[in-house]
Amino acid sequence: MIISHKHKYLFVAIPHTGSTAISRELCENYAGVPILRKHADYHEFLEIANAEEKTYFVFAGIRNPLDEAVSLYFKYKTTHRETYTNPKRLKKNGGHVTDVHLRKFNFIKNTNADFPTYFKKFYTLPYNNLISLSRKEFGFVIRFENLQDDFSQVLRLLRIEQKRPLPVVNKTTERRRDFLSYYTPEIYEQARRVFGPFMREWEYDFPPEWGDNAIPWSSQIQFYVLDPCKRFHWRHLKWGSSFYARAFRRLWDGSS
């Protein structure tokens, strides 16, 4: 999370949406400073903010979940920046890597699973993420698919002169450019079930060549039933170590 008292903005860093590049650029060129932790949510900010800070312009990022799933697969497959092999990154040692992350990493490492095999095993529940916690609070949402232009639009809204194009950082390696090429017909239906409700909420479309892209009603029901549970998990249990925290973490990570 990045704040600027000079320009009166707050950037909420949603994972896998270009947040590393945006955070770094805000700090280097637009009077931003880190606050709380990298992926803190807006409600955590409200607990410490004063009256004026609560009026700051708030923005965040989003990414097509079809693309994010492929990116995450390759982060596991390539041991991205030693994230899953460095003991310091483990949650028990103060890092962010959970047992669920390690299970996915080890599955790909030990079986050399391709993307469809990985997807079928780990993507079973309707997808959702942190952006849903504070959707109504965001003055602007930067779409990863339109990262450069949307970042420029945020600066214009803040009446800040842009100094340079947004640099690319933390890029996932060893993946082809077109993320849709990793989806095979055998997982189309599962992808519609898992991602459909979220994509409808955020106006993303499935490729027309996939055929009938109607979202199953059962997925919609699951999405809305699980949403309050996941909100509770992120707001109250995400960083805990209790039995309930671990149970909710499994519930969340099982669909993302």
C-alpha atoms as a PDB file:
ATOM      1  CA  MET A   1       0.000   0.000   0.000  1.00  0.00           C
ATOM      2  CA  ILE A   2       1.326   3.403  -1.027  1.00  0.00           C
ATOM      3  CA  ILE A   3       0.222   6.798   0.266  1.00  0.00           C
ATOM      4  CA  SER A   4       1.072  10.351  -0.763  1.00  0.00           C
ATOM      5  CA  HIS A   5       0.267  13.228   1.534  1.00  0.00           C
ATOM      6  CA  LYS A   6       1.511  15.676  -1.077  1.00  0.00           C
ATOM      7  CA  HIS A   7      -0.862  14.474  -3.795  1.00  0.00           C
ATOM      8  CA  LYS A   8      -3.488  13.011  -1.433  1.00  0.00           C
ATOM      9  CA  TYR A   9      -3.816   9.534  -2.889  1.00  0.00           C
ATOM     10  CA  LEU A  10      -3.781   5.957  -1.619  1.00  0.00           C
ATOM     11  CA  PHE A  11      -2.831   3.008  -3.819  1.00  0.00           C
ATOM     12  CA  VAL A  12      -4.147  -0.375  -2.686  1.00  0.00           C
ATOM     13  CA  ALA A  13      -1.837  -3.033  -4.118  1.00  0.00           C
ATOM     14  CA  ILE A  14      -3.870  -6.030  -5.281  1.00  0.00           C
ATOM     15  CA  PRO A  15      -1.576  -9.027  -5.988  1.00  0.00           C
ATOM     16  CA  HIS A  16      -0.697  -9.906  -9.599  1.00  0.00           C
ATOM     17  CA  THR A  17      -2.073  -6.695 -11.116  1.00  0.00           C
ATOM     18  CA  GLY A  18       1.146  -4.802 -11.817  1.00  0.00           C
ATOM     19  CA  SER A  19       1.165  -3.507  -8.248  1.00  0.00           C
ATOM     20  CA  THR A  20       4.944  -3.881  -7.852  1.00  0.00           C
ATOM     21  CA  ALA A  21       5.631  -1.638 -10.842  1.00  0.00           C
ATOM     22  CA  ILE A  22       2.998   0.900  -9.815  1.00  0.00           C
ATOM     23  CA  SER A  23       4.159   1.015  -6.185  1.00  0.00           C
ATOM     24  CA  ARG A  24       7.778   1.506  -7.166  1.00  0.00           C
ATOM     25  CA  GLU A  25       6.911   4.225  -9.675  1.00  0.00           C
ATOM     26  CA  LEU A  26       4.730   6.093  -7.202  1.00  0.00           C
ATOM     27  CA  CYS A  27       7.514   6.072  -4.618  1.00  0.00           C
ATOM     28  CA  GLU A  28      10.262   7.069  -7.048  1.00  0.00           C
ATOM     29  CA  ASN A  29       8.457   9.812  -8.946  1.00  0.00           C
ATOM     30  CA  TYR A  30       5.167  10.827  -7.373  1.00  0.00           C
ATOM     31  CA  ALA A  31       5.836  11.411  -3.653  1.00  0.00           C
ATOM     32  CA  GLY A  32       4.507   8.035  -2.567  1.00  0.00           C
ATOM     33  CA  VAL A  33       5.646   6.227   0.584  1.00  0.00           C
ATOM     34  CA  PRO A  34       4.850   2.673   1.752  1.00  0.00           C
ATOM     35  CA  ILE A  35       2.313   2.292   4.530  1.00  0.00           C
ATOM     36  CA  LEU A  36       1.247  -0.813   6.456  1.00  0.00           C
ATOM     37  CA  ARG A  37       2.244  -3.872   4.360  1.00  0.00           C
ATOM     38  CA  LYS A  38       2.395  -4.343   0.610  1.00  0.00           C
ATOM     39  CA  HIS A  39      -1.003  -5.983   0.137  1.00  0.00           C
ATOM     40  CA  ALA A  40      -2.872  -4.425   3.050  1.00  0.00           C
ATOM     41  CA  ASP A  41      -6.547  -3.779   2.337  1.00  0.00           C
ATOM     42  CA  TYR A  42      -8.367  -0.491   2.557  1.00  0.00           C
ATOM     43  CA  HIS A  43     -10.140  -1.343   5.806  1.00  0.00           C
ATOM     44  CA  GLU A  44      -6.784  -1.791   7.531  1.00  0.00           C
ATOM     45  CA  PHE A  45      -5.911   1.700   6.364  1.00  0.00           C
ATOM     46  CA  LEU A  46      -9.143   3.104   7.783  1.00  0.00           C
ATOM     47  CA  GLU A  47      -8.180   1.799  11.225  1.00  0.00           C
ATOM     48  CA  ILE A  48      -5.108   4.048  11.344  1.00  0.00           C
ATOM     49  CA  ALA A  49      -6.071   6.951   9.059  1.00  0.00           C
ATOM     50  CA  ASN A  50      -7.000  10.396  10.299  1.00  0.00           C
ATOM     51  CA  ALA A  51     -10.011  12.321   9.028  1.00  0.00           C
ATOM     52  CA  GLU A  52      -8.150  14.013   6.185  1.00  0.00           C
ATOM     53  CA  GLU A  53      -6.430  10.824   5.005  1.00  0.00           C
ATOM     54  CA  LYS A  54      -9.814   9.129   4.712  1.00  0.00           C
ATOM     55  CA  THR A  55     -10.689  11.650   1.994  1.00  0.00           C
ATOM     56  CA  TYR A  56      -7.692  10.749  -0.204  1.00  0.00           C
ATOM     57  CA  PHE A  57      -8.248   9.491  -3.758  1.00  0.00           C
ATOM     58  CA  VAL A  58      -8.094   5.683  -3.633  1.00  0.00           C
ATOM     59  CA  PHE A  59      -7.187   3.451  -6.566  1.00  0.00           C
ATOM     60  CA  ALA A  60      -6.216  -0.166  -7.161  1.00  0.00           C
ATOM     61  CA  GLY A  61      -5.655  -2.661  -9.965  1.00  0.00           C
ATOM     62  CA  ILE A  62      -7.429  -5.641 -11.469  1.00  0.00           C
ATOM     63  CA  ARG A  63      -6.477  -8.379 -13.913  1.00  0.00           C
ATOM     64  CA  ASN A  64      -8.383 -10.834 -16.059  1.00  0.00           C
ATOM     65  CA  PRO A  65      -8.360 -13.994 -13.899  1.00  0.00           C
ATOM     66  CA  LEU A  66      -7.785 -16.157 -16.976  1.00  0.00           C
ATOM     67  CA  ASP A  67      -4.486 -14.344 -17.411  1.00  0.00           C
ATOM     68  CA  GLU A  68      -3.632 -14.317 -13.708  1.00  0.00           C
ATOM     69  CA  ALA A  69      -4.045 -18.098 -13.424  1.00  0.00           C
ATOM     70  CA  VAL A  70      -1.502 -18.663 -16.201  1.00  0.00           C
ATOM     71  CA  SER A  71       0.915 -16.163 -14.662  1.00  0.00           C
ATOM     72  CA  LEU A  72       0.683 -17.869 -11.268  1.00  0.00           C
ATOM     73  CA  TYR A  73       1.289 -21.265 -12.844  1.00  0.00           C
ATOM     74  CA  PHE A  74       4.548 -20.044 -14.336  1.00  0.00           C
ATOM     75  CA  LYS A  75       5.615 -18.405 -11.101  1.00  0.00           C
ATOM     76  CA  TYR A  76       5.343 -21.819  -9.464  1.00  0.00           C
ATOM     77  CA  LYS A  77       6.937 -23.594 -12.415  1.00  0.00           C
ATOM     78  CA  THR A  78       9.952 -21.265 -12.573  1.00  0.00           C
ATOM     79  CA  THR A  79      10.340 -20.754  -8.816  1.00  0.00           C
ATOM     80  CA  HIS A  80       9.869 -17.050  -9.470  1.00  0.00           C
ATOM     81  CA  ARG A  81      12.694 -15.160  -7.711  1.00  0.00           C
ATOM     82  CA  GLU A  82      13.184 -18.161  -5.397  1.00  0.00           C
ATOM     83  CA  THR A  83       9.885 -17.310  -3.764  1.00  0.00           C
ATOM     84  CA  TYR A  84       9.029 -20.926  -2.963  1.00  0.00           C
ATOM     85  CA  THR A  85      12.516 -22.187  -2.140  1.00  0.00           C
ATOM     86  CA  ASN A  86      13.794 -19.436   0.134  1.00  0.00           C
ATOM     87  CA  PRO A  87      13.004 -20.318   3.794  1.00  0.00           C
ATOM     88  CA  LYS A  88      12.737 -16.626   4.639  1.00  0.00           C
ATOM     89  CA  ARG A  89       9.670 -16.383   2.404  1.00  0.00           C
ATOM     90  CA  LEU A  90       7.739 -19.040   4.359  1.00  0.00           C
ATOM     91  CA  LYS A  91       4.838 -17.836   6.482  1.00  0.00           C
ATOM     92  CA  LYS A  92       6.164 -19.647   9.547  1.00  0.00           C
ATOM     93  CA  ASN A  93       9.340 -17.565   9.204  1.00  0.00           C
ATOM     94  CA  GLY A  94       7.536 -14.276   8.755  1.00  0.00           C
ATOM     95  CA  GLY A  95       7.054 -14.398   4.979  1.00  0.00           C
ATOM     96  CA  HIS A  96       3.936 -14.768   2.850  1.00  0.00           C
ATOM     97  CA  VAL A  97       4.304 -18.264   1.369  1.00  0.00           C
ATOM     98  CA  THR A  98       1.658 -20.562   2.842  1.00  0.00           C
ATOM     99  CA  ASP A  99       1.358 -24.336   2.890  1.00  0.00           C
ATOM    100  CA  VAL A 100      -1.156 -24.037   0.051  1.00  0.00           C
ATOM    101  CA  HIS A 101       1.404 -22.188  -2.077  1.00  0.00           C
ATOM    102  CA  LEU A 102       3.996 -24.875  -1.359  1.00  0.00           C
ATOM    103  CA  ARG A 103       1.544 -27.631  -2.240  1.00  0.00           C
ATOM    104  CA  LYS A 104       0.963 -26.082  -5.666  1.00  0.00           C
ATOM    105  CA  PHE A 105       4.669 -25.461  -6.197  1.00  0.00           C
ATOM    106  CA  ASN A 106       5.632 -29.016  -5.217  1.00  0.00           C
ATOM    107  CA  PHE A 107       2.874 -30.535  -7.333  1.00  0.00           C
ATOM    108  CA  ILE A 108       4.180 -28.820 -10.476  1.00  0.00           C
ATOM    109  CA  LYS A 109       7.797 -29.502  -9.571  1.00  0.00           C
ATOM    110  CA  ASN A 110       7.285 -33.198  -8.781  1.00  0.00           C
ATOM    111  CA  THR A 111       4.908 -34.053 -11.637  1.00  0.00           C
ATOM    112  CA  ASN A 112       5.968 -31.532 -14.284  1.00  0.00           C
ATOM    113  CA  ALA A 113       2.265 -30.784 -14.665  1.00  0.00           C
ATOM    114  CA  ASP A 114       1.155 -28.725 -17.614  1.00  0.00           C
ATOM    115  CA  PHE A 115      -1.260 -25.844 -17.105  1.00  0.00           C
ATOM    116  CA  PRO A 116      -4.520 -27.779 -17.722  1.00  0.00           C
ATOM    117  CA  THR A 117      -3.486 -30.468 -15.219  1.00  0.00           C
ATOM    118  CA  TYR A 118      -2.593 -27.829 -12.614  1.00  0.00           C
ATOM    119  CA  PHE A 119      -5.807 -25.925 -13.293  1.00  0.00           C
ATOM    120  CA  LYS A 120      -8.059 -28.973 -12.962  1.00  0.00           C
ATOM    121  CA  LYS A 121      -6.529 -29.854  -9.603  1.00  0.00           C
ATOM    122  CA  PHE A 122      -6.411 -26.474  -7.892  1.00  0.00           C
ATOM    123  CA  TYR A 123      -9.176 -24.327  -9.396  1.00  0.00           C
ATOM    124  CA  THR A 124     -12.407 -25.759  -8.040  1.00  0.00           C
ATOM    125  CA  LEU A 125     -14.314 -22.960  -6.280  1.00  0.00           C
ATOM    126  CA  PRO A 126     -15.565 -19.653  -7.710  1.00  0.00           C
ATOM    127  CA  TYR A 127     -12.717 -17.159  -7.924  1.00  0.00           C
ATOM    128  CA  ASN A 128     -12.606 -13.876  -6.038  1.00  0.00           C
ATOM    129  CA  ASN A 129      -9.854 -11.619  -4.721  1.00  0.00           C
ATOM    130  CA  LEU A 130      -8.997  -8.673  -2.497  1.00  0.00           C
ATOM    131  CA  ILE A 131     -10.453  -6.065  -4.806  1.00  0.00           C
ATOM    132  CA  SER A 132     -13.954  -7.123  -3.794  1.00  0.00           C
ATOM    133  CA  LEU A 133     -13.335  -6.000  -0.207  1.00  0.00           C
ATOM    134  CA  SER A 134     -13.417  -2.299  -1.003  1.00  0.00           C
ATOM    135  CA  ARG A 135     -14.886  -1.991  -4.475  1.00  0.00           C
ATOM    136  CA  LYS A 136     -17.116   0.958  -3.563  1.00  0.00           C
ATOM    137  CA  GLU A 137     -14.182   2.894  -2.114  1.00  0.00           C
ATOM    138  CA  PHE A 138     -12.067   2.981  -5.275  1.00  0.00           C
ATOM    139  CA  GLY A 139     -12.096   6.177  -7.317  1.00  0.00           C
ATOM    140  CA  PHE A 140     -10.424   4.332 -10.192  1.00  0.00           C
ATOM    141  CA  VAL A 141      -9.439   0.755 -11.023  1.00  0.00           C
ATOM    142  CA  ILE A 142      -6.407   0.206 -13.252  1.00  0.00           C
ATOM    143  CA  ARG A 143      -6.886  -2.740 -15.577  1.00  0.00           C
ATOM    144  CA  PHE A 144      -3.726  -4.780 -16.087  1.00  0.00           C
ATOM    145  CA  GLU A 145      -4.707  -5.181 -19.731  1.00  0.00           C
ATOM    146  CA  ASN A 146      -4.575  -1.399 -20.125  1.00  0.00           C
ATOM    147  CA  LEU A 147      -1.864  -0.711 -17.566  1.00  0.00           C
ATOM    148  CA  GLN A 148      -0.002   2.149 -19.221  1.00  0.00           C
ATOM    149  CA  ASP A 149      -3.045   4.155 -20.271  1.00  0.00           C
ATOM    150  CA  ASP A 150      -4.929   3.601 -17.028  1.00  0.00           C
ATOM    151  CA  PHE A 151      -1.934   4.604 -14.920  1.00  0.00           C
ATOM    152  CA  SER A 152      -1.693   7.784 -16.988  1.00  0.00           C
ATOM    153  CA  GLN A 153      -5.401   8.384 -16.424  1.00  0.00           C
ATOM    154  CA  VAL A 154      -4.927   8.135 -12.639  1.00  0.00           C
ATOM    155  CA  LEU A 155      -2.209  10.774 -12.786  1.00  0.00           C
ATOM    156  CA  ARG A 156      -4.464  13.023 -14.832  1.00  0.00           C
ATOM    157  CA  LEU A 157      -7.264  12.621 -12.292  1.00  0.00           C
ATOM    158  CA  LEU A 158      -4.788  13.618  -9.591  1.00  0.00           C
ATOM    159  CA  ARG A 159      -3.561  16.520 -11.745  1.00  0.00           C
ATOM    160  CA  ILE A 160      -0.028  15.178 -11.697  1.00  0.00           C
ATOM    161  CA  GLU A 161       2.227  15.538 -14.728  1.00  0.00           C
ATOM    162  CA  GLN A 162       3.518  12.136 -15.798  1.00  0.00           C
ATOM    163  CA  LYS A 163       7.311  11.906 -15.877  1.00  0.00           C
ATOM    164  CA  ARG A 164       7.769   8.741 -17.923  1.00  0.00           C
ATOM    165  CA  PRO A 165       5.964   5.559 -19.079  1.00  0.00           C
ATOM    166  CA  LEU A 166       5.400   3.006 -16.361  1.00  0.00           C
ATOM    167  CA  PRO A 167       8.402   0.600 -16.309  1.00  0.00           C
ATOM    168  CA  VAL A 168       7.813  -3.159 -16.485  1.00  0.00           C
ATOM    169  CA  VAL A 169       9.032  -5.035 -13.403  1.00  0.00           C
ATOM    170  CA  ASN A 170       8.516  -8.459 -11.808  1.00  0.00           C
ATOM    171  CA  LYS A 171       7.659 -10.000 -15.188  1.00  0.00           C
ATOM    172  CA  THR A 172       6.785 -13.694 -15.253  1.00  0.00           C
ATOM    173  CA  THR A 173       9.213 -15.735 -17.354  1.00  0.00           C
ATOM    174  CA  GLU A 174       8.817 -18.737 -19.668  1.00  0.00           C
ATOM    175  CA  ARG A 175       5.263 -18.089 -20.824  1.00  0.00           C
ATOM    176  CA  ARG A 176       3.944 -17.343 -24.261  1.00  0.00           C
ATOM    177  CA  ARG A 177       2.401 -13.955 -24.855  1.00  0.00           C
ATOM    178  CA  ASP A 178      -1.172 -15.152 -25.365  1.00  0.00           C
ATOM    179  CA  PHE A 179      -2.455 -16.550 -22.071  1.00  0.00           C
ATOM    180  CA  LEU A 180      -5.547 -17.990 -23.785  1.00  0.00           C
ATOM    181  CA  SER A 181      -3.340 -20.454 -25.656  1.00  0.00           C
ATOM    182  CA  TYR A 182      -2.859 -22.376 -22.394  1.00  0.00           C
ATOM    183  CA  TYR A 183      -6.563 -23.125 -22.061  1.00  0.00           C
ATOM    184  CA  THR A 184      -7.579 -26.336 -23.769  1.00  0.00           C
ATOM    185  CA  PRO A 185     -11.177 -27.378 -24.567  1.00  0.00           C
ATOM    186  CA  GLU A 186     -11.133 -29.881 -21.705  1.00  0.00           C
ATOM    187  CA  ILE A 187     -10.980 -27.054 -19.128  1.00  0.00           C
ATOM    188  CA  TYR A 188     -13.261 -24.484 -20.798  1.00  0.00           C
ATOM    189  CA  GLU A 189     -16.272 -25.523 -18.730  1.00  0.00           C
ATOM    190  CA  GLN A 190     -14.299 -25.525 -15.478  1.00  0.00           C
ATOM    191  CA  ALA A 191     -12.904 -22.080 -16.259  1.00  0.00           C
ATOM    192  CA  ARG A 192     -16.429 -20.772 -16.845  1.00  0.00           C
ATOM    193  CA  ARG A 193     -17.557 -22.184 -13.504  1.00  0.00           C
ATOM    194  CA  VAL A 194     -14.567 -20.854 -11.576  1.00  0.00           C
ATOM    195  CA  PHE A 195     -14.089 -17.447 -13.178  1.00  0.00           C
ATOM    196  CA  GLY A 196     -17.530 -16.686 -14.596  1.00  0.00           C
ATOM    197  CA  PRO A 197     -19.122 -14.848 -11.635  1.00  0.00           C
ATOM    198  CA  PHE A 198     -16.067 -12.647 -11.017  1.00  0.00           C
ATOM    199  CA  MET A 199     -15.680 -11.887 -14.710  1.00  0.00           C
ATOM    200  CA  ARG A 200     -19.322 -10.875 -14.942  1.00  0.00           C
ATOM    201  CA  GLU A 201     -18.918  -8.583 -11.921  1.00  0.00           C
ATOM    202  CA  TRP A 202     -15.932  -6.847 -13.511  1.00  0.00           C
ATOM    203  CA  GLU A 203     -17.071  -6.942 -17.149  1.00  0.00           C
ATOM    204  CA  TYR A 204     -14.547  -9.393 -18.532  1.00  0.00           C
ATOM    205  CA  ASP A 205     -15.571 -11.674 -21.404  1.00  0.00           C
ATOM    206  CA  PHE A 206     -14.714 -15.241 -22.286  1.00  0.00           C
ATOM    207  CA  PRO A 207     -13.396 -15.822 -25.816  1.00  0.00           C
ATOM    208  CA  PRO A 208     -16.333 -16.298 -28.223  1.00  0.00           C
ATOM    209  CA  GLU A 209     -14.553 -19.264 -29.790  1.00  0.00           C
ATOM    210  CA  TRP A 210     -15.086 -21.172 -26.547  1.00  0.00           C
ATOM    211  CA  GLY A 211     -18.709 -21.629 -27.575  1.00  0.00           C
ATOM    212  CA  ASP A 212     -21.577 -21.290 -25.091  1.00  0.00           C
ATOM    213  CA  ASN A 213     -20.146 -19.071 -22.367  1.00  0.00           C
ATOM    214  CA  ALA A 214     -23.207 -19.010 -20.161  1.00  0.00           C
ATOM    215  CA  ILE A 215     -22.233 -18.957 -16.476  1.00  0.00           C
ATOM    216  CA  PRO A 216     -23.743 -21.876 -14.524  1.00  0.00           C
ATOM    217  CA  TRP A 217     -26.306 -20.726 -11.947  1.00  0.00           C
ATOM    218  CA  SER A 218     -24.663 -23.014  -9.376  1.00  0.00           C
ATOM    219  CA  SER A 219     -21.412 -21.049  -9.723  1.00  0.00           C
ATOM    220  CA  GLN A 220     -23.252 -17.778  -9.168  1.00  0.00           C
ATOM    221  CA  ILE A 221     -24.819 -19.142  -5.981  1.00  0.00           C
ATOM    222  CA  GLN A 222     -21.480 -20.444  -4.716  1.00  0.00           C
ATOM    223  CA  PHE A 223     -19.836 -17.100  -5.503  1.00  0.00           C
ATOM    224  CA  TYR A 224     -22.321 -15.105  -3.447  1.00  0.00           C
ATOM    225  CA  VAL A 225     -22.408 -17.636  -0.609  1.00  0.00           C
ATOM    226  CA  LEU A 226     -18.616 -17.787  -0.311  1.00  0.00           C
ATOM    227  CA  ASP A 227     -18.073 -14.045  -0.732  1.00  0.00           C
ATOM    228  CA  PRO A 228     -18.925 -13.121   2.896  1.00  0.00           C
ATOM    229  CA  CYS A 229     -16.694 -15.943   4.154  1.00  0.00           C
ATOM    230  CA  LYS A 230     -13.779 -14.722   2.113  1.00  0.00           C
ATOM    231  CA  ARG A 231     -14.363 -11.117   3.205  1.00  0.00           C
ATOM    232  CA  PHE A 232     -14.270 -12.268   6.821  1.00  0.00           C
ATOM    233  CA  HIS A 233     -11.118 -14.257   6.147  1.00  0.00           C
ATOM    234  CA  TRP A 234      -9.254 -11.329   4.636  1.00  0.00           C
ATOM    235  CA  ARG A 235     -10.365  -8.773   7.195  1.00  0.00           C
ATOM    236  CA  HIS A 236      -9.955 -10.845  10.324  1.00  0.00           C
ATOM    237  CA  LEU A 237      -8.008 -14.064   9.783  1.00  0.00           C
ATOM    238  CA  LYS A 238      -5.639 -13.690   6.815  1.00  0.00           C
ATOM    239  CA  TRP A 239      -2.525 -13.121   8.872  1.00  0.00           C
ATOM    240  CA  GLY A 240      -3.479 -15.281  11.840  1.00  0.00           C
ATOM    241  CA  SER A 241      -2.262 -18.769  12.653  1.00  0.00           C
ATOM    242  CA  SER A 242      -5.300 -20.213  14.428  1.00  0.00           C
ATOM    243  CA  PHE A 243      -7.168 -23.293  13.246  1.00  0.00           C
ATOM    244  CA  TYR A 244      -9.934 -21.075  11.839  1.00  0.00           C
ATOM    245  CA  ALA A 245      -7.447 -18.854  10.033  1.00  0.00           C
ATOM    246  CA  ARG A 246      -5.860 -21.881   8.395  1.00  0.00           C
ATOM    247  CA  ALA A 247      -9.261 -23.294   7.447  1.00  0.00           C
ATOM    248  CA  PHE A 248     -10.391 -20.041   5.823  1.00  0.00           C
ATOM    249  CA  ARG A 249      -7.034 -19.708   4.082  1.00  0.00           C
ATOM    250  CA  ARG A 250      -7.510 -23.125   2.512  1.00  0.00           C
ATOM    251  CA  LEU A 251     -10.992 -22.090   1.426  1.00  0.00           C
ATOM    252  CA  TRP A 252      -9.683 -18.926  -0.219  1.00  0.00           C
ATOM    253  CA  ASP A 253      -6.550 -20.371  -1.783  1.00  0.00           C
ATOM    254  CA  GLY A 254      -8.456 -23.306  -3.152  1.00  0.00           C
ATOM    255  CA  SER A 255     -10.037 -21.020  -5.721  1.00  0.00           C
ATOM    256  CA  SER A 256      -7.195 -18.650  -6.576  1.00  0.00           C
END
